Protein backbone atom coordinates (compact mmCIF):
# COMPACT_ATOMS: atom_id res chain seq x y z
CA MET A 1 -58.60 118.70 -123.95
CA ASN A 2 -58.65 116.62 -120.77
CA GLY A 3 -61.68 114.56 -121.85
CA MET A 4 -60.39 113.70 -125.34
CA GLU A 5 -59.72 110.03 -126.01
CA LEU A 6 -57.90 108.19 -128.77
CA ARG A 7 -61.19 106.77 -130.00
CA HIS A 8 -62.41 110.32 -130.69
CA LEU A 9 -59.36 110.86 -132.88
CA ARG A 10 -59.96 107.56 -134.71
CA TYR A 11 -63.60 108.52 -135.31
CA PHE A 12 -62.62 111.93 -136.62
CA VAL A 13 -59.96 110.60 -139.01
CA ALA A 14 -62.30 107.91 -140.35
CA VAL A 15 -65.08 110.40 -141.07
CA ALA A 16 -62.68 112.93 -142.58
CA GLU A 17 -61.23 110.29 -144.91
CA GLU A 18 -64.57 108.79 -145.90
CA GLY A 19 -66.32 112.15 -146.30
CA ASN A 20 -69.52 110.61 -144.98
CA VAL A 21 -70.62 109.79 -141.44
CA THR A 22 -72.82 106.85 -142.42
CA THR A 23 -70.10 105.23 -144.56
CA ALA A 24 -67.46 105.67 -141.86
CA ALA A 25 -69.81 104.24 -139.23
CA SER A 26 -70.70 101.10 -141.18
CA ASN A 27 -67.52 100.36 -143.16
CA ARG A 28 -64.70 101.37 -140.83
CA LEU A 29 -65.90 101.88 -137.28
CA PHE A 30 -68.68 99.29 -137.08
CA THR A 31 -70.90 101.51 -134.99
CA SER A 32 -74.23 103.21 -135.57
CA GLN A 33 -74.51 106.52 -137.40
CA PRO A 34 -76.36 108.31 -134.55
CA SER A 35 -73.74 107.21 -132.01
CA LEU A 36 -70.91 108.38 -134.26
CA SER A 37 -72.61 111.75 -134.82
CA ARG A 38 -72.85 112.27 -131.05
CA GLN A 39 -69.16 111.39 -130.65
CA LEU A 40 -68.22 113.96 -133.29
CA LYS A 41 -70.33 116.63 -131.56
CA ASP A 42 -68.59 115.85 -128.27
CA LEU A 43 -65.22 116.17 -130.02
CA GLU A 44 -66.11 119.58 -131.48
CA MET A 45 -67.22 120.77 -128.05
CA GLU A 46 -63.94 119.54 -126.57
CA VAL A 47 -61.87 121.25 -129.27
CA GLY A 48 -63.98 124.42 -129.11
CA ALA A 49 -64.34 124.76 -132.88
CA GLU A 50 -66.41 123.38 -135.70
CA LEU A 51 -64.46 120.70 -137.56
CA PHE A 52 -67.00 119.76 -140.26
CA ILE A 53 -69.30 121.45 -142.71
CA ARG A 54 -72.32 119.18 -143.04
CA SER A 55 -74.39 119.01 -146.21
CA ALA A 56 -76.70 116.61 -148.02
CA ARG A 57 -73.71 115.34 -150.01
CA GLY A 58 -71.73 114.46 -146.91
CA ILE A 59 -69.18 116.46 -144.96
CA GLU A 60 -66.20 118.66 -145.64
CA LEU A 61 -63.53 119.85 -143.25
CA THR A 62 -63.43 123.39 -141.99
CA PRO A 63 -60.05 125.13 -141.82
CA ALA A 64 -59.96 124.10 -138.15
CA GLY A 65 -60.78 120.54 -139.20
CA VAL A 66 -57.95 120.48 -141.73
CA ALA A 67 -55.48 121.61 -139.06
CA PHE A 68 -56.89 119.13 -136.56
CA LEU A 69 -56.68 116.21 -139.05
CA GLU A 70 -52.92 116.49 -139.44
CA GLN A 71 -52.33 116.46 -135.69
CA ALA A 72 -54.89 113.71 -135.10
CA ARG A 73 -53.13 111.42 -137.56
CA LEU A 74 -49.81 112.22 -135.92
CA SER A 75 -51.21 111.46 -132.46
CA LEU A 76 -52.64 108.12 -133.62
CA SER A 77 -49.32 107.23 -135.21
CA HIS A 78 -47.47 108.04 -131.99
CA ALA A 79 -49.96 105.98 -129.97
CA ALA A 80 -49.51 102.98 -132.27
CA ALA A 81 -45.74 103.32 -132.01
CA ALA A 82 -45.99 103.47 -128.22
CA VAL A 83 -48.06 100.29 -128.12
CA GLU A 84 -45.61 98.45 -130.39
CA ALA A 85 -42.65 99.64 -128.30
CA ALA A 86 -44.32 98.36 -125.15
CA ARG A 87 -45.07 95.00 -126.76
CA ARG A 88 -41.53 94.74 -128.08
CA ALA A 89 -40.11 95.49 -124.64
CA ALA A 90 -42.40 92.85 -123.14
CA ARG A 91 -41.20 90.28 -125.67
CA LEU A 92 -37.57 91.12 -124.98
CA SER A 93 -38.12 90.68 -121.27
CA LYS A 94 -39.27 87.09 -121.83
CA GLU A 95 -36.87 84.22 -122.09
CA THR A 96 -36.65 82.75 -125.57
CA PHE A 97 -36.72 78.97 -125.82
CA THR A 98 -36.16 77.40 -129.24
CA VAL A 99 -36.92 73.78 -130.04
CA GLY A 100 -35.75 72.17 -133.27
CA PHE A 101 -37.15 69.11 -135.00
CA LEU A 102 -35.83 66.78 -137.61
CA THR A 103 -38.11 67.69 -140.51
CA GLY A 104 -41.17 65.48 -140.41
CA GLN A 105 -40.95 64.71 -136.68
CA GLU A 106 -42.96 67.73 -135.54
CA ALA A 107 -46.32 65.94 -135.66
CA ASP A 108 -45.13 63.25 -133.27
CA TRP A 109 -43.20 65.31 -130.76
CA LEU A 110 -44.32 68.96 -130.75
CA PRO A 111 -47.62 68.21 -128.93
CA ARG A 112 -45.66 66.33 -126.26
CA VAL A 113 -43.24 69.23 -125.85
CA THR A 114 -45.98 71.84 -125.48
CA GLN A 115 -47.76 69.59 -122.99
CA LEU A 116 -44.66 69.38 -120.79
CA LEU A 117 -44.10 73.15 -121.10
CA ARG A 118 -47.74 74.16 -120.72
CA ASP A 119 -47.15 76.07 -117.47
CA ASP A 120 -44.19 77.99 -118.91
CA LEU A 121 -45.48 78.84 -122.40
CA PRO A 122 -47.37 82.02 -121.36
CA ASN A 123 -44.16 83.45 -119.92
CA ILE A 124 -41.65 82.64 -122.68
CA GLU A 125 -41.06 83.26 -126.36
CA PHE A 126 -41.43 79.75 -127.75
CA LYS A 127 -39.90 79.16 -131.18
CA VAL A 128 -39.95 76.07 -133.40
CA VAL A 129 -37.58 75.30 -136.29
CA SER A 130 -37.37 72.31 -138.64
CA LEU A 131 -34.06 71.19 -140.13
CA GLN A 132 -32.25 68.14 -141.38
CA SER A 133 -30.56 66.26 -138.56
CA PRO A 134 -26.91 67.38 -139.17
CA SER A 135 -28.01 71.01 -139.61
CA LEU A 136 -30.03 70.81 -136.42
CA ALA A 137 -27.00 69.47 -134.55
CA ASP A 138 -24.96 72.40 -135.88
CA ALA A 139 -27.65 74.83 -134.68
CA LEU A 140 -27.55 73.24 -131.23
CA GLN A 141 -23.77 73.50 -131.21
CA ARG A 142 -23.93 77.23 -132.09
CA GLY A 143 -26.53 77.87 -129.42
CA ASP A 144 -29.19 78.91 -131.95
CA VAL A 145 -31.46 76.12 -130.70
CA ASP A 146 -31.93 75.14 -127.05
CA MET A 147 -33.18 71.61 -127.59
CA GLY A 148 -33.56 69.37 -130.62
CA PHE A 149 -35.31 66.16 -131.61
CA LEU A 150 -32.90 64.50 -134.01
CA ARG A 151 -30.52 61.64 -134.67
CA VAL A 152 -27.47 61.20 -132.50
CA GLU A 153 -25.05 63.49 -134.35
CA PRO A 154 -21.69 63.66 -132.48
CA ARG A 155 -20.70 67.26 -131.74
CA PRO A 156 -18.52 68.80 -129.03
CA ASP A 157 -20.50 69.87 -125.95
CA LEU A 158 -23.72 68.17 -127.10
CA ARG A 159 -25.46 65.51 -125.09
CA TYR A 160 -28.17 63.17 -126.34
CA GLU A 161 -30.92 61.32 -124.53
CA VAL A 162 -32.47 58.60 -126.69
CA ILE A 163 -36.25 58.70 -126.27
CA ALA A 164 -37.47 56.23 -128.90
CA LYS A 165 -36.41 53.74 -131.52
CA GLU A 166 -38.14 54.02 -134.89
CA PRO A 167 -38.53 50.91 -137.04
CA LEU A 168 -37.30 51.17 -140.61
CA LEU A 169 -39.74 50.29 -143.36
CA ALA A 170 -39.37 49.23 -146.98
CA ILE A 171 -40.59 52.06 -149.22
CA MET A 172 -41.57 51.33 -152.83
CA PRO A 173 -43.99 52.29 -155.61
CA SER A 174 -47.56 51.26 -154.80
CA ASP A 175 -47.70 48.96 -157.84
CA HIS A 176 -44.31 47.35 -157.15
CA ARG A 177 -44.17 43.54 -157.20
CA LEU A 178 -43.15 43.48 -153.51
CA ALA A 179 -46.08 45.66 -152.44
CA ASP A 180 -48.62 42.82 -152.61
CA ASN A 181 -46.83 40.19 -150.54
CA GLY A 182 -47.03 41.49 -146.97
CA PRO A 183 -43.75 41.93 -145.06
CA VAL A 184 -40.74 42.16 -147.34
CA ASP A 185 -37.77 39.83 -147.09
CA PRO A 186 -34.73 42.16 -147.23
CA ARG A 187 -32.93 39.63 -149.47
CA GLU A 188 -35.35 40.69 -152.22
CA PHE A 189 -33.57 44.04 -152.42
CA ALA A 190 -30.59 42.39 -154.11
CA ASN A 191 -32.70 42.14 -157.27
CA GLU A 192 -34.07 45.67 -157.12
CA THR A 193 -32.88 49.20 -157.79
CA PHE A 194 -31.95 50.23 -154.26
CA ILE A 195 -31.78 53.97 -153.59
CA GLY A 196 -28.94 54.69 -151.20
CA TYR A 197 -28.10 57.64 -148.99
CA SER A 198 -25.87 60.67 -149.33
CA ASP A 199 -23.59 61.91 -146.56
CA ILE A 200 -26.37 64.06 -145.11
CA PRO A 201 -28.50 61.26 -143.56
CA HIS A 202 -25.31 59.48 -142.52
CA VAL A 203 -26.85 58.02 -139.35
CA LEU A 204 -29.57 56.34 -141.42
CA ARG A 205 -26.99 55.24 -143.99
CA ASP A 206 -24.87 53.57 -141.30
CA VAL A 207 -27.87 51.88 -139.65
CA VAL A 208 -29.01 50.41 -142.99
CA ALA A 209 -25.49 49.27 -143.88
CA GLU A 210 -25.16 47.51 -140.52
CA TYR A 211 -28.59 45.91 -140.96
CA PHE A 212 -27.67 44.47 -144.34
CA LYS A 213 -24.31 43.30 -143.05
CA ALA A 214 -25.88 41.56 -140.04
CA ASN A 215 -28.25 39.71 -142.38
CA GLY A 216 -25.51 38.74 -144.83
CA ILE A 217 -27.07 40.78 -147.61
CA GLU A 218 -24.97 42.55 -150.21
CA ILE A 219 -26.70 45.55 -151.72
CA GLU A 220 -25.18 47.79 -154.35
CA PRO A 221 -26.98 51.13 -154.24
CA CYS A 222 -27.84 52.71 -157.57
CA GLN A 223 -26.33 55.99 -158.71
CA TYR A 224 -29.17 57.92 -157.08
CA MET A 225 -28.65 59.02 -153.48
CA LEU A 226 -31.33 60.57 -151.26
CA ASP A 227 -30.65 63.52 -148.94
CA ASP A 228 -33.97 63.42 -147.08
CA PHE A 229 -37.34 61.70 -147.22
CA GLY A 230 -38.68 64.22 -149.75
CA THR A 231 -36.01 63.43 -152.33
CA GLY A 232 -36.30 59.76 -151.44
CA ILE A 233 -40.00 59.69 -152.29
CA SER A 234 -39.36 61.52 -155.55
CA LEU A 235 -36.60 59.09 -156.51
CA ILE A 236 -38.80 56.09 -155.73
CA SER A 237 -41.53 57.44 -157.97
CA SER A 238 -39.20 58.36 -160.82
CA THR A 239 -36.82 55.37 -160.80
CA ARG A 240 -39.24 52.72 -159.47
CA GLY A 241 -36.58 51.85 -156.94
CA VAL A 242 -36.89 50.85 -153.29
CA THR A 243 -35.27 52.07 -150.10
CA LEU A 244 -35.55 51.96 -146.31
CA LEU A 245 -36.87 54.94 -144.33
CA PRO A 246 -37.99 55.51 -140.72
CA THR A 247 -41.63 54.95 -139.79
CA TYR A 248 -42.38 58.65 -139.32
CA VAL A 249 -42.54 59.14 -143.10
CA GLU A 250 -45.63 56.90 -143.45
CA PRO A 251 -48.26 59.68 -143.10
CA LEU A 252 -46.28 61.78 -145.60
CA LEU A 253 -46.30 59.25 -148.44
CA PRO A 254 -48.32 60.06 -151.57
CA TRP A 255 -50.74 57.49 -152.99
CA SER A 256 -48.11 56.36 -155.51
CA VAL A 257 -45.69 55.18 -152.80
CA VAL A 258 -46.30 52.62 -150.05
CA SER A 259 -44.50 51.23 -147.01
CA ARG A 260 -44.08 47.61 -145.97
CA GLN A 261 -42.62 46.02 -142.86
CA LEU A 262 -39.53 43.84 -143.08
CA THR A 263 -39.40 40.20 -142.13
CA GLY A 264 -37.28 39.04 -139.22
CA VAL A 265 -35.78 41.38 -136.63
CA GLN A 266 -36.86 44.94 -137.42
CA PRO A 267 -34.04 47.46 -137.89
CA THR A 268 -34.49 50.64 -135.87
CA ILE A 269 -32.99 54.11 -135.74
CA ASP A 270 -32.75 56.26 -132.61
CA ILE A 271 -34.58 59.54 -132.11
CA ALA A 272 -32.99 61.58 -129.33
CA VAL A 273 -33.30 64.86 -127.49
CA GLY A 274 -30.08 66.82 -127.97
CA TYR A 275 -28.86 69.88 -126.05
CA ARG A 276 -25.68 71.70 -125.06
CA THR A 277 -24.34 70.61 -121.71
CA ASP A 278 -23.53 74.24 -120.79
CA ASN A 279 -27.00 75.59 -121.61
CA GLU A 280 -28.22 77.07 -118.32
CA SER A 281 -31.78 77.75 -119.47
CA PRO A 282 -34.14 76.97 -116.55
CA ILE A 283 -36.77 75.94 -119.10
CA LEU A 284 -34.40 73.34 -120.53
CA ARG A 285 -33.48 72.05 -117.10
CA LYS A 286 -37.12 71.77 -116.10
CA PHE A 287 -37.92 69.95 -119.33
CA LEU A 288 -35.04 67.50 -118.88
CA GLY A 289 -36.19 66.85 -115.34
CA ASN A 290 -39.59 65.78 -116.64
CA MET A 291 -38.38 64.00 -119.75
CA SER A 292 -39.29 60.57 -118.44
CA GLN A 293 -42.86 61.51 -119.37
CA LEU A 294 -41.70 61.92 -122.95
CA VAL A 295 -40.08 58.53 -123.42
CA VAL A 296 -42.52 56.20 -125.11
CA ASP A 297 -43.02 52.53 -124.46
CA GLY A 298 -42.19 50.61 -127.61
CA PRO A 299 -41.50 51.99 -131.09
CA ALA A 300 -42.15 55.61 -131.96
CA GLY A 301 -43.74 56.95 -135.09
CA MET A 302 -46.58 54.42 -135.18
CA ARG A 303 -49.20 56.98 -136.21
CA ARG A 304 -52.06 55.77 -138.28
CA LYS A 305 -52.55 57.07 -141.77
CA PRO A 306 -55.61 59.27 -142.13
């Protein structure tokens, strides 16, 4: 059996299961019927026994063919398991590098990350996760994520490098009275249902509170509090309220919700790269060494709507 190959076993099993050489050739093996017939003849010569009984109705297995089918299937199964074991071992031998993104920030920053890591990607297991900012900070703290793009969330052993400042925008229903007047004066919010923030987006909550305080504006948030931009958009649509959100949400807004700039000095919120100071990953160190290429000039998140 020195000349037998796995493809011969695959051909044999396909024909045995289909009961017809032509059907097996066209539907499963994507080869010609004459070529497949020659391969089967070669296999029978290698085995030294007839494996098929050929008739006008198709083929049937001989007793030798029935015995051979069981072992052929077993050999193919073992071969597939061997291939998977080899691939699994190859994956395990690669370094895993996991990057996390504040949900919604992937479109802005993932292409920049892969560009900086382009020489290393073929040799590593590259994973991407999306989480809310506090959860992403927790994942960094646990070591589940090597590097994150998020807000500056204080945690022991985490370091942050601010790479951009995102302007905050007024978000409102598309038919809201303030939607037709260009940039919005933040003092107008005092007369509107203002959707505030829960403890989850606490960095955004604190930035907005400081912005209102600096402008001498007193805003009493309504009873509805948003956890993330998804719930914020839903609350705006359902309550006809207004709120402030970072620029990166603009491409994600449905037709029923619009964004408007604010008059005066624009409030901004930091986006930073976070990582554990004791993470010795060479991929992380290389990335941090080239991070100056990542820092953008001017505000981030200024993508155009499609």
